[in-house]
Protein backbone atom coordinates (compact mmCIF):
# COMPACT_ATOMS: atom_id res chain seq x y z
CA UNK A 1 26.02 16.15 19.11
CA UNK A 2 23.46 15.27 16.57
CA UNK A 3 20.64 17.63 15.91
CA UNK A 4 17.32 16.23 16.64
CA UNK A 5 15.02 15.28 13.85
CA UNK A 6 11.26 14.73 13.88
CA UNK A 7 10.16 11.89 11.34
CA UNK A 8 6.30 11.61 10.48
CA UNK A 9 5.74 7.87 9.51
CA UNK A 10 2.56 7.10 7.74
CA UNK A 11 1.23 4.17 5.90
CA UNK A 12 -1.82 2.59 3.98
CA UNK A 13 -2.79 5.48 2.17
CA UNK A 14 -4.65 3.47 -0.48
CA UNK A 15 -5.64 6.30 -2.66
CA UNK A 16 -7.04 8.66 0.08
CA UNK A 17 -5.70 12.17 -1.45
CA UNK A 18 -7.55 13.82 1.31
CA UNK A 19 -5.69 11.96 3.95
CA UNK A 20 -2.42 12.55 2.36
CA UNK A 21 -2.98 16.20 2.32
CA UNK A 22 -3.81 16.07 6.00
CA UNK A 23 -0.52 14.40 6.33
CA UNK A 24 1.40 16.90 4.50
CA UNK A 25 -0.59 19.90 6.28
CA UNK A 26 0.29 18.12 9.57
CA UNK A 27 4.02 17.78 8.81
CA UNK A 28 4.40 21.58 7.86
CA UNK A 29 2.39 22.80 10.89
CA UNK A 30 4.44 20.60 13.41
CA UNK A 31 7.84 21.32 11.86
CA UNK A 32 8.49 17.57 10.83
CA UNK A 33 11.84 17.16 9.31
CA UNK A 34 11.03 14.05 7.23
CA UNK A 35 7.99 12.03 6.12
CA UNK A 36 8.51 8.28 5.70
CA UNK A 37 5.63 6.28 3.85
CA UNK A 38 5.70 2.44 4.92
CA UNK A 39 3.85 1.33 1.82
CA UNK A 40 0.37 0.98 0.24
CA UNK A 41 0.02 3.97 -1.78
CA UNK A 42 -2.84 2.31 -3.86
CA UNK A 43 -6.41 1.09 -3.72
CA UNK A 44 -7.06 -2.72 -4.01
CA UNK A 45 -7.96 -4.32 -7.46
CA UNK A 46 -6.69 -1.90 -10.11
CA UNK A 47 -4.08 -2.66 -12.75
CA UNK A 48 -0.31 -1.87 -12.49
CA UNK A 49 -0.54 1.13 -14.58
CA UNK A 50 -3.27 2.74 -12.63
CA UNK A 51 -1.35 1.82 -9.36
CA UNK A 52 1.84 3.67 -10.80
CA UNK A 53 -0.42 6.70 -11.57
CA UNK A 54 -2.15 6.71 -8.21
CA UNK A 55 1.10 6.38 -6.33
CA UNK A 56 2.45 9.37 -8.34
CA UNK A 57 -0.60 11.27 -7.35
CA UNK A 58 -0.17 10.49 -3.55
CA UNK A 59 3.44 11.52 -3.85
CA UNK A 60 2.76 14.76 -5.58
CA UNK A 61 0.44 15.70 -2.46
CA UNK A 62 2.83 14.54 0.09
CA UNK A 63 6.04 16.22 -1.60
CA UNK A 64 9.47 14.82 -1.23
CA UNK A 65 9.32 11.76 1.12
CA UNK A 66 11.32 8.48 1.82
CA UNK A 67 9.25 5.40 1.03
CA UNK A 68 9.03 1.66 0.65
CA UNK A 69 6.30 -0.08 -1.36
CA UNK A 70 3.38 -2.02 0.26
CA UNK A 71 1.97 -5.25 -1.06
CA UNK A 72 -0.70 -3.53 -2.92
CA UNK A 73 1.79 -1.40 -4.95
CA UNK A 74 3.19 -2.10 -8.33
CA UNK A 75 6.81 -3.31 -8.67
CA UNK A 76 7.85 -0.41 -10.83
CA UNK A 77 7.05 2.17 -8.06
CA UNK A 78 10.31 1.11 -6.65
CA UNK A 79 11.99 2.16 -9.98
CA UNK A 80 10.19 5.38 -9.77
CA UNK A 81 11.04 6.13 -6.25
CA UNK A 82 14.62 5.23 -6.94
CA UNK A 83 14.71 7.94 -9.78
CA UNK A 84 13.19 10.59 -7.67
CA UNK A 85 15.57 9.89 -4.59
CA UNK A 86 12.93 8.69 -2.46
CA UNK A 87 13.46 4.97 -2.31
CA UNK A 88 14.17 3.35 1.05
CA UNK A 89 13.33 -0.11 -0.03
CA UNK A 90 16.42 -2.53 0.38
CA UNK A 91 18.25 0.57 1.69
CA UNK A 92 19.92 1.94 4.75
CA UNK A 93 19.85 5.79 5.33
CA UNK A 94 21.12 7.70 8.29
CA UNK A 95 18.48 10.27 9.57
CA UNK A 96 19.28 12.35 12.64
CA UNK A 97 22.14 10.24 13.67
CA UNK A 98 19.98 6.85 13.30
CA UNK A 99 20.04 4.19 10.69
CA UNK A 100 16.77 3.46 9.00
CA UNK A 101 16.82 0.10 7.16
CA UNK A 102 13.71 -0.26 4.76
CA UNK A 103 12.06 -3.14 3.24
CA UNK A 104 8.68 -3.18 1.61
CA UNK A 105 6.10 -5.62 0.37
CA UNK A 106 4.95 -8.42 2.39
CA UNK A 107 4.93 -12.25 2.91
CA UNK A 108 2.66 -14.11 0.73
CA UNK A 109 -1.02 -13.22 1.24
CA UNK A 110 -4.31 -14.93 -0.18
CA UNK A 111 -5.20 -11.73 -2.13
CA UNK A 112 -2.64 -12.13 -5.20
CA UNK A 113 -0.92 -8.88 -3.98
CA UNK A 114 1.69 -7.58 -6.68
CA UNK A 115 4.70 -7.44 -4.21
CA UNK A 116 5.28 -10.40 -2.10
CA UNK A 117 8.43 -12.20 -1.10
CA UNK A 118 8.93 -15.71 0.36
CA UNK A 119 10.07 -15.86 4.17
CA UNK A 120 13.78 -16.85 2.58
CA UNK A 121 13.82 -13.81 0.43
CA UNK A 122 12.60 -11.74 3.35
CA UNK A 123 15.21 -13.19 5.75
CA UNK A 124 18.02 -12.82 3.24
CA UNK A 125 17.35 -9.17 2.40
CA UNK A 126 16.82 -7.95 5.92
CA UNK A 127 19.92 -9.80 7.26
CA UNK A 128 21.97 -7.98 4.42
CA UNK A 129 20.40 -4.60 5.44
CA UNK A 130 21.05 -5.11 9.34
CA UNK A 131 24.71 -6.17 8.74
CA UNK A 132 24.99 -2.72 6.98
CA UNK A 133 23.00 -0.70 9.56
CA UNK A 134 24.49 0.49 12.87
CA UNK A 135 23.52 -0.86 16.30
CA UNK A 136 20.19 0.24 17.41
CA UNK A 137 19.05 0.70 13.95
CA UNK A 138 15.11 1.44 13.19
CA UNK A 139 13.41 -0.87 10.70
CA UNK A 140 10.81 0.34 8.25
CA UNK A 141 8.82 -2.70 7.05
CA UNK A 142 5.43 -2.95 5.34
CA UNK A 143 4.70 -6.34 6.94
CA UNK A 144 4.83 -6.60 10.96
CA UNK A 145 6.69 -9.27 12.74
CA UNK A 146 4.91 -12.68 13.21
CA UNK A 147 3.25 -13.31 16.67
CA UNK A 148 2.59 -9.96 18.12
CA UNK A 149 -0.26 -7.55 18.97
CA UNK A 150 0.84 -5.90 15.53
CA UNK A 151 0.01 -8.64 13.08
CA UNK A 152 -3.27 -10.14 14.80
CA UNK A 153 -6.53 -10.32 12.59
CA UNK A 154 -10.05 -9.83 13.83
CA UNK A 155 -10.02 -13.84 13.65
CA UNK A 156 -7.45 -14.17 16.11
CA UNK A 157 -4.62 -15.46 13.70
CA UNK A 158 -1.22 -13.88 13.23
CA UNK A 159 -0.32 -13.22 9.79
CA UNK A 160 3.08 -11.40 10.05
CA UNK A 161 6.38 -12.36 8.87
CA UNK A 162 8.28 -14.96 10.75
CA UNK A 163 11.58 -14.03 9.09
CA UNK A 164 11.13 -10.32 10.22
CA UNK A 165 10.72 -11.82 13.76
CA UNK A 166 13.75 -13.64 13.37
CA UNK A 167 15.77 -10.77 12.29
CA UNK A 168 14.41 -8.79 15.19
CA UNK A 169 15.43 -11.44 17.83
CA UNK A 170 19.05 -11.72 16.23
CA UNK A 171 19.86 -8.00 15.54
CA UNK A 172 17.90 -6.27 18.26
CA UNK A 173 16.94 -2.99 16.47
CA UNK A 174 15.52 -0.18 18.59
CA UNK A 175 12.23 -0.04 16.88
CA UNK A 176 10.39 -1.87 14.02
CA UNK A 177 7.68 0.22 12.32
CA UNK A 178 5.09 -1.60 10.05
CA UNK A 179 1.24 -1.64 9.15
CA UNK A 180 -0.31 -3.74 6.56
CA UNK A 181 -2.80 -5.45 9.02
CA UNK A 182 -5.38 -2.77 9.13
CA UNK A 183 -7.19 -4.12 12.18
CA UNK A 184 -4.58 -3.88 14.84
CA UNK A 185 -3.75 -0.28 13.25
CA UNK A 186 -2.17 1.71 16.46
CA UNK A 187 -1.01 -1.37 18.31
CA UNK A 188 2.22 -1.65 20.00
CA UNK A 189 4.14 -4.71 21.41
CA UNK A 190 7.93 -5.89 22.10
CA UNK A 191 10.03 -8.36 20.93
CA UNK A 192 12.97 -8.41 23.59
CA UNK A 193 14.25 -4.75 23.99
CA UNK A 194 12.85 -3.90 20.38
CA UNK A 195 9.43 -1.74 20.33
CA UNK A 196 7.08 -2.77 17.59
CA UNK A 197 4.34 -0.51 16.22
CA UNK A 198 1.80 -1.13 13.61
CA UNK A 199 1.00 2.55 12.23
CA UNK A 200 -2.49 1.73 10.76
CA UNK A 201 -4.54 3.34 7.90
CA UNK A 202 -3.86 6.91 7.04
CA UNK A 203 -7.52 7.40 6.34
CA UNK A 204 -8.17 6.91 10.13
CA UNK A 205 -5.82 9.62 11.11
CA UNK A 206 -3.01 7.14 12.36
CA UNK A 207 0.34 8.10 12.16
CA UNK A 208 3.54 8.12 14.43
CA UNK A 209 6.44 10.57 15.15
CA UNK A 210 9.85 9.14 15.52
CA UNK A 211 12.43 11.31 17.36
CA UNK A 212 15.99 10.88 16.27
CA UNK A 213 18.69 10.36 17.41
CA UNK A 214 17.06 8.54 20.63
CA UNK A 215 14.54 6.49 18.56
CA UNK A 216 11.36 7.17 20.79
CA UNK A 217 8.16 7.65 18.95
CA UNK A 218 4.76 8.93 19.67
CA UNK A 219 1.26 7.96 18.15
CA UNK A 220 -0.49 10.82 16.66
CA UNK A 221 -3.82 11.63 14.95
CA UNK A 222 -3.60 13.95 12.20
CA UNK A 223 -7.29 14.53 11.16
């Protein structure tokens, strides 16, 4: 029988070192076995060099995590995560008896984001991951699936990935964790039997704990 594992998932740090320290403290106090960061270490509007420096600063506070990049992060962050043994982007890893499939960045945005992929690229990459992952895997994606409570803006429009939704419908993972759309942080939904959750901004104290190997999760406030 697999030993149970608590995994703290956070996202959208956006350079908030105090929030990152709160997450590290929360993980230690609650005997969390792993931390996963679902992207966006950096603030908006800074250069690639500054983005990498800021991401490294956030990682220094958090310690050894698993992570995917967000649309606001720089592309060479993935190389750094690889070298540091922390990369979950385009990878499948088994944690606590469950496969976790990670894919960062987002579908195209109007904000000139550094890490975006076409819907065709997203589908191709996610399909490869889900063919590798075992049945009932958990997906960690920065962008949420299209047409849910987890990708709806304040204007009522949906801005998630249509390809991610298609993959969920085809492969039926246990859970899809995302963030990216700040205004619906904390929202949950379902696509068929798959649970969907938007973690939300770390500065608002939002996070979730995933329990492996059953794949259940709970929303927590780490402030």
